[in-house]
């Protein structure tokens, strides 16, 4: 064995600890002399500040976006995109480029309360889209919470009555408040009715946070009424929009009674008499908001309709110009179909008018002028018809109302809007047609199933043909106090607008084709304020029917029947 080797041949054997230390030190020095490995490359960055904000609506949310390249340097000219999603979504991204400081400044206003996410990214290919698979298109986000101190947070709904009688009208009062319990004005409120009498309505709250809708139930049963604040104005009830629901049960008019009295049963001609109808339920309580139809036969013939007040009363005042006895009949039209049906009570009274200038034995009243039967004879559909079992027969005009025309007449206006039928159904220009005192019904299969496929003829256009040069029929500028109908160039104002909105609208009357002006009625020769529409003529008769804005409709159906077929009605 030689020195410096162990029995296994280890050459370090015998070196001692000092020698080992020297060898390790030499190895470390050799390692330190090797060249250093290169550092990992830095990535570009994009930041948005602040990353979270809480603001009131209608204030500005401001952000600074900063871009640094892979060397950590601020860089200009980099395409940056901004996008807002959430309560205040921007439909399209907004494009910017970084300035000399490598920054973009972005601000926007939040109209609606809620949470927005603001996203910014490098739009490397300038296509306005964030591509998560493109490593160059780095992004950052921030959150904005918008708070509206005046936003509607509660809706209350109060029906005027919860168990009204079928055929009557109730008010639905809605109130909107904010989180502080204060009323909120200018809130769009929708009311939706489902059940026995489905309908919808919408409007804006007033300064007290209130809006009122009216509902008339034509069928017995329960209606569910939902009212909600349409905060985002999209005509849909969304999460976070306050709402409330109530139910109303319409009761059939069982055991109701109608009493009719006259203020004077023996008045003199030229004076007035008032007939008062009082409507009560089976328990003797007054029934309000029910339609009472009056029909006077005799020397002073007249038809009219009134609505019962809070005491269940409906009164009609009229002047008797002819001597003789009038029979006044009144009935309650609960379902507003213009006919007296089962469970609709009635009552009658007679009034005898005397002529103070006549002899004690008054001469008999002159016979009415005969109907122009020779003219009627030339047009079959206008001749008096026999009553049909499958239709509703009107002895006043001797004509039937059947099928889909009857359904439409009953549902969309009845006697007050269309008057009585003055022909039977017949074919006119290849279309099934029927004339009424104030309208012409046309059947167009498949055109409008929800309204029995019935469209109304343009009788207003027909009777005003050739009058476009007259001042009231010329197009005019919009009046800020009215509703302006640009297609025809005319305004709709005041009581005429109220009537148009409440009793048929565009489908029944069409658009205005004139302004308001004074014109004599061809039937009675009196001067009235009138306005023509595509399908109607509105006439203002002050005091005649306050519940319907004192508006009566002209007999345009009868006028067109005479124009088209030479028939006076």
Protein backbone atom coordinates (compact mmCIF):
# COMPACT_ATOMS: atom_id res chain seq x y z
CA UNK A 1 0.00 0.00 0.00
CA UNK A 2 1.46 3.39 -1.01
CA UNK A 3 0.90 6.75 0.76
CA UNK A 4 -2.15 8.71 -0.45
CA UNK A 5 -4.34 5.73 -1.33
CA UNK A 6 -6.74 3.78 0.84
CA UNK A 7 -7.27 0.07 0.36
CA UNK A 8 -10.13 0.86 -2.12
CA UNK A 9 -7.86 3.05 -4.26
CA UNK A 10 -9.30 6.46 -3.02
CA UNK A 11 -6.61 8.99 -3.84
CA UNK A 12 -7.93 11.48 -1.26
CA UNK A 13 -7.16 9.23 1.52
CA UNK A 14 -4.57 10.71 3.82
CA UNK A 15 -5.03 14.31 2.53
CA UNK A 16 -6.55 15.49 5.77
CA UNK A 17 -9.39 18.01 6.29
CA UNK A 18 -7.29 20.99 5.21
CA UNK A 19 -6.72 19.52 1.81
CA UNK A 20 -10.40 18.82 1.29
CA UNK A 21 -11.34 22.39 2.13
CA UNK A 22 -8.86 23.73 -0.37
CA UNK A 23 -10.29 21.51 -3.10
CA UNK A 24 -13.90 22.63 -2.46
CA UNK A 25 -12.85 26.28 -2.52
CA UNK A 26 -11.14 25.79 -5.85
CA UNK A 27 -14.31 24.22 -7.27
CA UNK A 28 -16.49 27.15 -6.12
CA UNK A 29 -14.12 29.65 -7.70
CA UNK A 30 -14.37 27.77 -10.97
CA UNK A 31 -18.17 27.86 -10.88
CA UNK A 32 -18.24 31.60 -10.18
CA UNK A 33 -16.06 32.18 -13.20
CA UNK A 34 -18.76 30.73 -15.53
CA UNK A 35 -20.86 33.35 -17.55
CA UNK A 36 -24.30 34.36 -15.99
CA UNK A 37 -27.61 33.01 -17.51
CA UNK A 38 -29.80 35.70 -19.25
CA UNK A 39 -32.81 37.07 -17.19
CA UNK A 40 -36.40 36.15 -18.28
CA UNK A 41 -37.96 38.75 -20.67
CA UNK A 42 -40.62 41.10 -19.09
CA UNK A 43 -44.22 41.17 -20.49
CA UNK A 44 -46.12 44.33 -21.48
CA UNK A 45 -48.77 45.49 -18.98
CA UNK A 46 -52.05 47.40 -19.05
CA UNK A 47 -53.64 48.81 -15.90
CA UNK A 48 -56.84 50.73 -15.15
CA UNK A 49 -57.22 52.98 -12.12
CA UNK A 50 -59.17 53.09 -9.99
CA UNK A 51 -60.29 49.47 -10.12
CA UNK A 52 -63.46 50.06 -8.10
CA UNK A 53 -65.82 53.03 -7.76
CA UNK A 54 -69.15 53.76 -6.07
CA UNK A 55 -71.01 56.76 -7.52
CA UNK A 56 -74.43 58.34 -7.78
CA UNK A 57 -76.16 58.08 -11.13
CA UNK A 58 -75.77 60.96 -13.59
CA UNK A 59 -72.24 61.67 -12.37
CA UNK A 60 -69.05 60.88 -14.28
CA UNK A 61 -66.94 57.77 -13.69
CA UNK A 62 -63.34 58.62 -14.72
CA UNK A 63 -60.52 56.15 -15.36
CA UNK A 64 -56.85 56.25 -16.38
CA UNK A 65 -55.50 53.39 -18.50
CA UNK A 66 -51.71 52.96 -18.60
CA UNK A 67 -49.71 50.80 -21.00
CA UNK A 68 -46.07 49.72 -20.53
CA UNK A 69 -44.09 47.73 -23.06
CA UNK A 70 -41.93 44.71 -22.33
CA UNK A 71 -39.12 47.00 -21.24
CA UNK A 72 -41.37 48.61 -18.67
CA UNK A 73 -41.48 51.86 -20.60
CA UNK A 74 -44.58 53.96 -21.22
CA UNK A 75 -45.44 53.80 -24.91
CA UNK A 76 -47.60 56.03 -27.10
CA UNK A 77 -49.75 55.09 -30.12
CA UNK A 78 -50.98 51.80 -28.69
CA UNK A 79 -54.60 51.00 -29.76
CA UNK A 80 -56.80 50.71 -26.68
CA UNK A 81 -60.44 49.62 -26.55
CA UNK A 82 -62.99 50.35 -23.80
CA UNK A 83 -66.23 48.48 -23.14
CA UNK A 84 -68.93 48.90 -20.46
CA UNK A 85 -71.33 46.08 -19.57
CA UNK A 86 -73.92 45.77 -16.83
CA UNK A 87 -76.56 48.26 -15.75
CA UNK A 88 -75.35 50.82 -18.33
CA UNK A 89 -74.16 48.71 -21.25
CA UNK A 90 -72.52 50.46 -24.21
CA UNK A 91 -73.62 48.73 -27.40
CA UNK A 92 -70.23 49.35 -29.10
CA UNK A 93 -66.66 49.54 -27.73
CA UNK A 94 -64.85 52.90 -27.74
CA UNK A 95 -61.42 53.22 -29.45
CA UNK A 96 -58.45 55.25 -28.22
CA UNK A 97 -54.65 55.43 -28.61
CA UNK A 98 -52.22 55.97 -25.77
CA UNK A 99 -50.68 59.45 -25.50
CA UNK A 100 -47.04 60.37 -24.97
CA UNK A 101 -47.35 59.19 -21.38
CA UNK A 102 -48.67 55.80 -22.49
CA UNK A 103 -52.08 56.66 -21.08
CA UNK A 104 -55.75 56.91 -22.07
CA UNK A 105 -58.38 58.83 -20.11
CA UNK A 106 -61.93 57.47 -20.21
CA UNK A 107 -65.13 58.68 -18.56
CA UNK A 108 -68.85 57.97 -18.86
CA UNK A 109 -72.08 58.67 -16.96
CA UNK A 110 -74.30 56.01 -15.47
CA UNK A 111 -77.99 56.60 -16.02
CA UNK A 112 -79.26 53.46 -14.28
CA UNK A 113 -78.40 52.11 -10.85
CA UNK A 114 -76.58 48.80 -10.59
CA UNK A 115 -73.09 47.43 -11.26
CA UNK A 116 -71.03 48.00 -14.41
CA UNK A 117 -67.87 46.21 -15.51
CA UNK A 118 -65.44 48.45 -17.39
CA UNK A 119 -63.07 46.41 -19.59
CA UNK A 120 -60.01 47.81 -21.38
CA UNK A 121 -57.63 45.93 -23.67
CA UNK A 122 -54.89 46.31 -26.28
CA UNK A 123 -56.61 45.95 -29.64
CA UNK A 124 -53.58 44.57 -31.45
CA UNK A 125 -55.43 43.79 -34.68
CA UNK A 126 -57.75 46.83 -34.39
CA UNK A 127 -60.95 44.83 -34.84
CA UNK A 128 -62.77 46.11 -31.74
CA UNK A 129 -62.83 42.64 -30.19
CA UNK A 130 -60.87 41.13 -27.31
CA UNK A 131 -59.19 37.91 -28.43
CA UNK A 132 -58.24 35.87 -25.33
CA UNK A 133 -56.02 33.62 -27.49
CA UNK A 134 -53.86 36.50 -28.73
CA UNK A 135 -51.09 37.11 -26.14
CA UNK A 136 -50.71 40.67 -27.39
CA UNK A 137 -54.29 41.57 -26.44
CA UNK A 138 -53.85 42.00 -22.71
CA UNK A 139 -56.73 43.44 -20.66
CA UNK A 140 -57.77 44.91 -17.31
CA UNK A 141 -61.14 45.54 -15.63
CA UNK A 142 -62.74 47.85 -13.10
CA UNK A 143 -66.09 47.81 -11.31
CA UNK A 144 -68.51 50.74 -10.91
CA UNK A 145 -71.46 50.59 -8.53
CA UNK A 146 -74.10 53.18 -9.40
CA UNK A 147 -76.52 54.38 -6.74
CA UNK A 148 -79.60 56.46 -7.55
CA UNK A 149 -80.86 58.20 -4.41
CA UNK A 150 -84.10 59.07 -6.21
CA UNK A 151 -84.71 55.71 -7.84
CA UNK A 152 -88.02 54.00 -7.30
CA UNK A 153 -87.75 51.22 -4.76
CA UNK A 154 -91.39 50.55 -3.86
CA UNK A 155 -94.73 50.43 -5.66
CA UNK A 156 -98.12 50.32 -3.97
CA UNK A 157 -101.38 49.55 -5.74
CA UNK A 158 -104.79 50.42 -4.31
CA UNK A 159 -107.92 49.35 -6.21
CA UNK A 160 -110.91 51.63 -5.61
CA UNK A 161 -113.01 48.55 -4.84
CA UNK A 162 -112.06 44.90 -4.60
CA UNK A 163 -115.52 43.42 -5.29
CA UNK A 164 -117.09 45.65 -7.95
CA UNK A 165 -120.14 44.71 -9.99
CA UNK A 166 -119.62 43.50 -13.55
CA UNK A 167 -119.91 46.37 -16.02
CA UNK A 168 -118.81 49.07 -13.59
CA UNK A 169 -115.50 50.92 -13.62
CA UNK A 170 -112.93 51.21 -10.85
CA UNK A 171 -109.79 53.29 -10.47
CA UNK A 172 -106.45 51.61 -9.78
CA UNK A 173 -104.27 54.05 -7.86
CA UNK A 174 -100.49 53.45 -7.98
CA UNK A 175 -97.89 55.24 -5.84
CA UNK A 176 -94.11 55.06 -6.33
CA UNK A 177 -91.51 55.95 -3.67
CA UNK A 178 -87.73 55.89 -3.35
CA UNK A 179 -85.58 54.33 -0.65
CA UNK A 180 -86.11 57.36 1.58
CA UNK A 181 -89.88 56.90 1.45
CA UNK A 182 -90.37 59.98 -0.73
CA UNK A 183 -92.55 60.07 -3.87
CA UNK A 184 -90.80 59.80 -7.22
CA UNK A 185 -92.11 61.76 -10.20
CA UNK A 186 -91.69 60.85 -13.85
CA UNK A 187 -91.50 57.08 -13.36
CA UNK A 188 -92.92 54.91 -16.15
CA UNK A 189 -95.44 52.54 -14.55
CA UNK A 190 -97.01 49.56 -16.30
CA UNK A 191 -100.23 47.92 -15.13
CA UNK A 192 -101.03 44.45 -16.45
CA UNK A 193 -104.34 42.69 -15.81
CA UNK A 194 -104.71 38.94 -16.24
CA UNK A 195 -107.75 36.83 -15.54
CA UNK A 196 -111.38 37.45 -16.45
CA UNK A 197 -110.75 40.88 -18.01
CA UNK A 198 -107.19 41.05 -19.39
CA UNK A 199 -105.84 44.48 -20.30
CA UNK A 200 -102.74 46.66 -20.06
CA UNK A 201 -101.92 50.30 -19.40
CA UNK A 202 -98.91 52.54 -18.88
CA UNK A 203 -98.15 56.10 -17.81
CA UNK A 204 -95.83 58.35 -15.82
CA UNK A 205 -96.15 59.30 -12.17
CA UNK A 206 -97.00 62.89 -11.24
CA UNK A 207 -95.21 65.15 -8.76
CA UNK A 208 -96.67 63.13 -5.87
CA UNK A 209 -95.50 59.82 -7.33
CA UNK A 210 -99.07 58.88 -8.27
CA UNK A 211 -100.72 57.55 -11.39
CA UNK A 212 -104.24 56.23 -11.79
CA UNK A 213 -105.58 53.65 -14.23
CA UNK A 214 -109.21 52.76 -14.83
CA UNK A 215 -110.51 49.23 -15.25
CA UNK A 216 -113.96 48.13 -16.32
CA UNK A 217 -114.76 44.47 -15.82
CA UNK A 218 -117.12 43.08 -18.42
CA UNK A 219 -116.95 39.48 -17.16
CA UNK A 220 -117.47 37.99 -13.72
CA UNK A 221 -114.39 36.47 -12.12
CA UNK A 222 -111.05 37.42 -10.60
CA UNK A 223 -108.48 39.71 -12.17
CA UNK A 224 -104.86 39.78 -11.02
CA UNK A 225 -103.38 43.24 -11.39
CA UNK A 226 -99.61 43.73 -11.45
CA UNK A 227 -98.07 47.19 -11.39
CA UNK A 228 -94.33 47.75 -11.75
CA UNK A 229 -91.91 50.64 -12.17
CA UNK A 230 -90.19 50.28 -15.54
CA UNK A 231 -86.91 51.81 -14.41
CA UNK A 232 -84.92 50.99 -17.54
CA UNK A 233 -87.80 51.84 -19.87
CA UNK A 234 -87.73 48.59 -21.85
CA UNK A 235 -91.45 47.83 -21.36
CA UNK A 236 -90.63 44.62 -19.48
CA UNK A 237 -90.53 43.81 -15.78
CA UNK A 238 -86.90 43.00 -14.96
CA UNK A 239 -85.06 41.91 -11.83
CA UNK A 240 -84.67 44.79 -9.42
CA UNK A 241 -87.68 46.74 -10.69
CA UNK A 242 -90.19 47.18 -7.84
CA UNK A 243 -93.65 45.76 -8.36
CA UNK A 244 -96.80 44.78 -6.52
CA UNK A 245 -99.87 42.65 -7.18
CA UNK A 246 -103.52 42.90 -6.15
CA UNK A 247 -106.66 40.98 -7.04
CA UNK A 248 -110.13 42.24 -7.88
CA UNK A 249 -113.15 39.95 -8.08
CA UNK A 250 -115.98 41.12 -10.33
CA UNK A 251 -119.39 40.14 -9.00
CA UNK A 252 -122.37 39.35 -11.23
CA UNK A 253 -125.22 41.89 -10.90
CA UNK A 254 -127.54 39.61 -8.94
CA UNK A 255 -130.74 41.01 -7.43
CA UNK A 256 -129.89 44.57 -8.49
CA UNK A 257 -132.76 47.01 -8.93
CA UNK A 258 -133.35 50.21 -10.87
CA UNK A 259 -135.87 52.86 -9.89
CA UNK A 260 -136.81 55.66 -12.29
CA UNK A 261 -138.55 58.90 -11.31
CA UNK A 262 -139.40 62.12 -13.16
CA UNK A 263 -139.04 65.61 -11.74
CA UNK A 264 -142.33 66.55 -13.44
CA UNK A 265 -144.69 64.12 -15.15
CA UNK A 266 -146.92 66.87 -16.62
CA UNK A 267 -144.66 69.70 -17.81
CA UNK A 268 -145.41 72.26 -20.48
CA UNK A 269 -143.67 72.17 -23.84
CA UNK A 270 -140.51 74.23 -24.00
CA UNK A 271 -139.57 73.42 -20.42
CA UNK A 272 -137.24 70.76 -19.05
CA UNK A 273 -137.89 67.50 -17.27
CA UNK A 274 -135.33 65.37 -15.46
CA UNK A 275 -135.58 61.62 -15.13
CA UNK A 276 -133.38 60.09 -12.43
CA UNK A 277 -132.42 56.42 -12.27
CA UNK A 278 -131.20 54.96 -8.96
CA UNK A 279 -129.31 51.66 -9.10
CA UNK A 280 -128.86 49.45 -6.01
CA UNK A 281 -127.60 45.96 -5.32
CA UNK A 282 -129.52 43.23 -3.49
CA UNK A 283 -128.52 44.69 -0.13
CA UNK A 284 -129.74 48.17 -0.99
CA UNK A 285 -126.27 49.62 -1.53
CA UNK A 286 -125.71 52.00 -4.45
CA UNK A 287 -123.85 50.67 -7.49
CA UNK A 288 -121.48 53.22 -8.98
CA UNK A 289 -119.94 53.62 -12.45
CA UNK A 290 -122.58 51.56 -14.25
CA UNK A 291 -123.96 52.62 -17.63
CA UNK A 292 -127.67 53.46 -17.70
CA UNK A 293 -129.22 53.73 -21.15
CA UNK A 294 -132.28 55.92 -21.64
CA UNK A 295 -134.69 55.56 -24.53
CA UNK A 296 -137.51 58.04 -25.01
CA UNK A 297 -140.33 57.14 -27.38
CA UNK A 298 -143.20 59.43 -28.22
CA UNK A 299 -143.29 62.96 -29.63
CA UNK A 300 -139.85 63.81 -28.19
CA UNK A 301 -137.78 60.80 -29.18
CA UNK A 302 -134.27 60.56 -27.85
CA UNK A 303 -131.59 58.07 -26.80
CA UNK A 304 -128.82 58.77 -24.34
CA UNK A 305 -126.55 57.10 -21.78
CA UNK A 306 -125.33 58.20 -18.37
CA UNK A 307 -123.09 56.71 -15.69
CA UNK A 308 -124.20 56.21 -12.10
CA UNK A 309 -122.45 58.36 -9.50
CA UNK A 310 -121.36 57.46 -5.96
CA UNK A 311 -125.02 57.40 -4.90
CA UNK A 312 -125.95 55.04 -7.72
CA UNK A 313 -127.78 57.84 -9.54
CA UNK A 314 -127.84 58.68 -13.25
CA UNK A 315 -129.95 61.61 -14.42
CA UNK A 316 -131.08 62.76 -17.86
CA UNK A 317 -132.53 66.20 -18.45
CA UNK A 318 -134.29 66.97 -21.71
CA UNK A 319 -136.63 69.56 -23.19
CA UNK A 320 -140.01 68.59 -24.60
CA UNK A 321 -140.77 70.59 -27.73
CA UNK A 322 -143.79 68.54 -28.83
CA UNK A 323 -147.01 68.01 -26.89
CA UNK A 324 -147.99 64.46 -26.06
CA UNK A 325 -146.86 61.57 -23.90
CA UNK A 326 -143.30 60.33 -23.82
CA UNK A 327 -142.49 56.87 -22.52
CA UNK A 328 -139.07 56.93 -20.87
CA UNK A 329 -137.41 53.55 -20.43
CA UNK A 330 -134.08 53.10 -18.68
CA UNK A 331 -132.01 49.95 -18.23
CA UNK A 332 -128.60 49.17 -16.80
CA UNK A 333 -126.13 48.04 -19.44
CA UNK A 334 -123.73 46.20 -17.13
CA UNK A 335 -121.78 44.59 -19.98
CA UNK A 336 -121.94 47.70 -22.20
CA UNK A 337 -123.10 45.79 -25.24
CA UNK A 338 -125.92 48.18 -26.07
CA UNK A 339 -128.60 45.58 -25.32
CA UNK A 340 -130.69 44.78 -22.27
CA UNK A 341 -129.68 41.30 -21.16
CA UNK A 342 -130.82 38.98 -18.39
CA UNK A 343 -130.03 40.37 -14.90
CA UNK A 344 -129.88 43.92 -16.27
CA UNK A 345 -132.73 45.73 -14.47
CA UNK A 346 -134.93 48.36 -16.07
CA UNK A 347 -137.65 50.83 -15.17
CA UNK A 348 -140.07 53.13 -16.98
CA UNK A 349 -141.96 56.36 -16.43
CA UNK A 350 -144.27 58.46 -18.61
CA UNK A 351 -144.18 62.22 -19.08
CA UNK A 352 -147.09 64.06 -20.71
CA UNK A 353 -146.21 67.39 -22.27
CA UNK A 354 -148.93 70.02 -22.72
CA UNK A 355 -148.89 73.02 -25.03
CA UNK A 356 -150.06 76.10 -23.09
CA UNK A 357 -151.03 77.86 -26.33
CA UNK A 358 -153.16 75.01 -27.61
CA UNK A 359 -156.92 74.59 -27.19
CA UNK A 360 -158.21 72.32 -24.40
CA UNK A 361 -158.53 69.55 -26.94
CA UNK A 362 -155.15 69.58 -28.58
CA UNK A 363 -154.85 68.65 -32.17
CA UNK A 364 -153.20 65.33 -32.75
CA UNK A 365 -149.49 65.43 -33.31
CA UNK A 366 -148.60 65.41 -36.96
CA UNK A 367 -147.49 62.11 -38.38
CA UNK A 368 -143.79 61.82 -39.00
CA UNK A 369 -142.59 62.16 -42.53
CA UNK A 370 -142.58 58.82 -44.30
CA UNK A 371 -139.30 57.07 -44.84
CA UNK A 372 -138.02 57.40 -48.40
CA UNK A 373 -139.10 53.89 -49.27
CA UNK A 374 -138.87 54.39 -53.03
CA UNK A 375 -135.14 55.03 -52.58
CA UNK A 376 -134.76 52.15 -50.16
CA UNK A 377 -136.48 49.89 -52.60
CA UNK A 378 -133.66 50.44 -55.06
CA UNK A 379 -131.06 49.04 -52.64
CA UNK A 380 -131.93 45.71 -51.09
CA UNK A 381 -129.50 45.61 -48.12
CA UNK A 382 -131.03 48.85 -46.75
CA UNK A 383 -134.62 47.56 -46.81
CA UNK A 384 -136.25 46.61 -43.52
CA UNK A 385 -135.33 43.03 -42.63
CA UNK A 386 -136.97 40.23 -40.67
CA UNK A 387 -135.52 39.37 -37.27
CA UNK A 388 -133.16 36.39 -37.33
CA UNK A 389 -132.92 33.96 -34.43
CA UNK A 390 -129.13 33.75 -34.70
CA UNK A 391 -128.57 37.51 -34.63
CA UNK A 392 -129.43 40.59 -32.59
CA UNK A 393 -132.32 42.49 -34.17
CA UNK A 394 -132.69 46.25 -33.76
CA UNK A 395 -136.29 47.38 -34.24
CA UNK A 396 -135.11 51.00 -34.29
CA UNK A 397 -133.67 50.47 -37.76
CA UNK A 398 -135.18 47.06 -38.66
CA UNK A 399 -131.82 45.39 -39.17
CA UNK A 400 -129.87 42.43 -37.80
CA UNK A 401 -126.37 42.33 -36.36
CA UNK A 402 -124.72 38.92 -36.58
CA UNK A 403 -121.58 36.84 -36.11
CA UNK A 404 -118.19 38.52 -36.14
CA UNK A 405 -119.67 41.95 -36.82
CA UNK A 406 -121.77 41.60 -33.67
CA UNK A 407 -118.74 40.47 -31.64
CA UNK A 408 -116.73 43.46 -32.83
CA UNK A 409 -119.61 45.90 -32.22
CA UNK A 410 -120.07 44.60 -28.66
CA UNK A 411 -116.38 44.58 -27.72
CA UNK A 412 -115.05 47.73 -29.31
CA UNK A 413 -117.52 50.55 -28.79
CA UNK A 414 -121.13 49.47 -29.24
CA UNK A 415 -123.98 51.90 -29.76
CA UNK A 416 -122.15 55.02 -28.61
CA UNK A 417 -119.39 54.61 -31.19
CA UNK A 418 -121.04 52.91 -34.17
CA UNK A 419 -124.77 53.50 -33.79
CA UNK A 420 -127.43 51.07 -35.02
CA UNK A 421 -127.03 48.96 -38.17
CA UNK A 422 -128.68 50.60 -41.19
CA UNK A 423 -128.16 47.74 -43.66
CA UNK A 424 -127.84 44.00 -43.60
CA UNK A 425 -124.52 42.39 -44.50
CA UNK A 426 -123.79 42.45 -48.23
CA UNK A 427 -120.94 42.29 -50.72
CA UNK A 428 -119.43 45.65 -51.62
CA UNK A 429 -116.44 45.62 -53.97
CA UNK A 430 -115.90 41.96 -53.14
CA UNK A 431 -115.83 42.57 -49.37
CA UNK A 432 -118.48 41.53 -46.85
CA UNK A 433 -119.76 44.87 -45.57
CA UNK A 434 -122.37 46.31 -43.22
CA UNK A 435 -123.25 49.96 -42.71
CA UNK A 436 -123.98 51.52 -39.34
CA UNK A 437 -125.07 55.04 -38.48
CA UNK A 438 -121.50 56.09 -37.72
CA UNK A 439 -119.32 53.47 -39.41
CA UNK A 440 -118.86 50.86 -42.10
CA UNK A 441 -117.72 47.38 -41.04
CA UNK A 442 -115.63 45.33 -43.47
CA UNK A 443 -114.64 41.68 -43.03
CA UNK A 444 -111.06 40.92 -44.11
CA UNK A 445 -110.39 37.23 -43.25
CA UNK A 446 -107.06 36.68 -41.49
CA UNK A 447 -106.23 40.37 -41.17
CA UNK A 448 -106.83 40.79 -37.42
CA UNK A 449 -108.16 37.66 -35.64
CA UNK A 450 -108.07 39.37 -32.23
CA UNK A 451 -110.70 41.82 -33.53
CA UNK A 452 -112.81 39.29 -35.47
CA UNK A 453 -110.95 40.25 -38.70
CA UNK A 454 -113.07 43.40 -38.85
CA UNK A 455 -111.64 46.62 -40.25
CA UNK A 456 -113.50 49.92 -40.38
CA UNK A 457 -114.05 51.77 -43.62
CA UNK A 458 -112.46 55.18 -44.19
CA UNK A 459 -115.79 56.98 -44.06
CA UNK A 460 -114.14 60.20 -42.87
CA UNK A 461 -112.00 60.30 -45.99
CA UNK A 462 -115.03 59.64 -48.17
CA UNK A 463 -117.22 62.46 -46.86
CA UNK A 464 -114.37 64.99 -46.96
CA UNK A 465 -113.18 64.13 -50.47
CA UNK A 466 -112.43 67.33 -52.36
CA UNK A 467 -111.94 69.48 -49.24
CA UNK A 468 -108.14 69.29 -49.02
CA UNK A 469 -107.88 72.92 -50.14
CA UNK A 470 -109.90 74.19 -47.18
CA UNK A 471 -107.85 75.63 -44.34
CA UNK A 472 -108.82 73.09 -41.62
CA UNK A 473 -107.76 70.21 -43.90
CA UNK A 474 -104.37 71.61 -44.86
CA UNK A 475 -101.29 70.23 -43.12
CA UNK A 476 -100.14 72.35 -40.19
CA UNK A 477 -97.29 72.64 -37.70
CA UNK A 478 -97.16 70.67 -34.46
CA UNK A 479 -98.79 72.24 -31.40
CA UNK A 480 -96.75 71.57 -28.25
CA UNK A 481 -99.97 71.26 -26.21
CA UNK A 482 -101.38 68.53 -28.46
CA UNK A 483 -100.49 65.16 -29.98
CA UNK A 484 -99.19 65.71 -33.49
CA UNK A 485 -99.82 63.04 -36.14
CA UNK A 486 -97.06 63.57 -38.67
CA UNK A 487 -98.41 61.19 -41.37
CA UNK A 488 -101.48 63.40 -41.82
CA UNK A 489 -100.00 66.66 -40.53
CA UNK A 490 -102.67 67.43 -37.91
CA UNK A 491 -102.94 67.96 -34.16
CA UNK A 492 -105.20 66.17 -31.68
CA UNK A 493 -105.95 68.24 -28.59
CA UNK A 494 -107.99 68.59 -25.40
CA UNK A 495 -111.25 66.73 -25.03
CA UNK A 496 -111.06 65.26 -28.53
CA UNK A 497 -107.69 63.76 -27.63
CA UNK A 498 -109.08 62.35 -24.37
CA UNK A 499 -112.01 60.77 -26.20
CA UNK A 500 -109.75 59.36 -28.94
CA UNK A 501 -107.40 57.82 -26.37
CA UNK A 502 -110.12 56.40 -24.10
CA UNK A 503 -112.70 55.10 -26.56
CA UNK A 504 -111.02 53.41 -29.48
CA UNK A 505 -107.90 55.19 -30.67
CA UNK A 506 -106.24 54.58 -34.01
CA UNK A 507 -107.96 51.27 -34.81
CA UNK A 508 -111.45 52.77 -34.51
CA UNK A 509 -111.07 56.38 -35.64
CA UNK A 510 -107.83 56.54 -37.60
CA UNK A 511 -105.64 59.64 -37.66
CA UNK A 512 -106.94 63.21 -37.70
CA UNK A 513 -107.34 64.61 -41.23
CA UNK A 514 -108.33 68.12 -40.16
CA UNK A 515 -107.85 70.58 -37.34
CA UNK A 516 -110.77 71.57 -35.09
CA UNK A 517 -113.21 74.00 -36.70
CA UNK A 518 -116.88 75.03 -36.60
CA UNK A 519 -119.32 73.21 -38.90
CA UNK A 520 -123.06 72.67 -39.11
CA UNK A 521 -124.34 69.18 -38.50
CA UNK A 522 -126.21 67.97 -41.61
CA UNK A 523 -128.80 66.18 -39.44
CA UNK A 524 -129.89 68.93 -37.04
CA UNK A 525 -128.45 72.05 -38.69
CA UNK A 526 -126.70 73.13 -35.47
CA UNK A 527 -123.19 74.58 -35.38
CA UNK A 528 -120.62 72.48 -33.50
CA UNK A 529 -116.88 72.34 -33.01
CA UNK A 530 -115.83 69.33 -35.07
CA UNK A 531 -112.74 67.46 -36.19
CA UNK A 532 -112.54 64.88 -38.95
CA UNK A 533 -110.64 61.61 -38.75
CA UNK A 534 -110.03 58.92 -41.32
CA UNK A 535 -112.97 56.92 -39.94
CA UNK A 536 -115.04 59.43 -37.92
CA UNK A 537 -116.18 62.98 -37.23
CA UNK A 538 -115.91 64.18 -33.62
CA UNK A 539 -118.46 66.76 -32.47
CA UNK A 540 -118.32 68.69 -29.21
CA UNK A 541 -121.74 68.94 -27.53
CA UNK A 542 -121.10 70.81 -24.23
CA UNK A 543 -122.88 69.19 -21.29
CA UNK A 544 -124.26 66.28 -23.29
CA UNK A 545 -121.98 63.52 -21.97
CA UNK A 546 -119.28 64.69 -19.51
CA UNK A 547 -118.10 61.13 -18.88
CA UNK A 548 -117.04 60.98 -22.52
CA UNK A 549 -115.65 64.53 -22.76
CA UNK A 550 -119.00 65.74 -24.22
CA UNK A 551 -117.98 64.22 -27.55
CA UNK A 552 -120.56 62.69 -29.88
CA UNK A 553 -119.79 61.09 -33.23
CA UNK A 554 -121.23 62.24 -36.53
CA UNK A 555 -123.42 59.91 -38.63
CA UNK A 556 -120.77 59.35 -41.28
CA UNK A 557 -121.93 55.82 -42.00
CA UNK A 558 -125.32 57.18 -43.01
CA UNK A 559 -123.70 59.91 -45.11
CA UNK A 560 -121.49 57.44 -46.98
CA UNK A 561 -124.44 55.09 -47.56
CA UNK A 562 -126.21 57.98 -49.26
CA UNK A 563 -123.09 58.91 -51.25
CA UNK A 564 -122.38 55.37 -52.41
CA UNK A 565 -125.89 53.96 -52.82
CA UNK A 566 -128.29 56.91 -52.81
CA UNK A 567 -129.97 55.78 -49.60
CA UNK A 568 -131.07 58.24 -46.93
CA UNK A 569 -131.12 56.83 -43.43
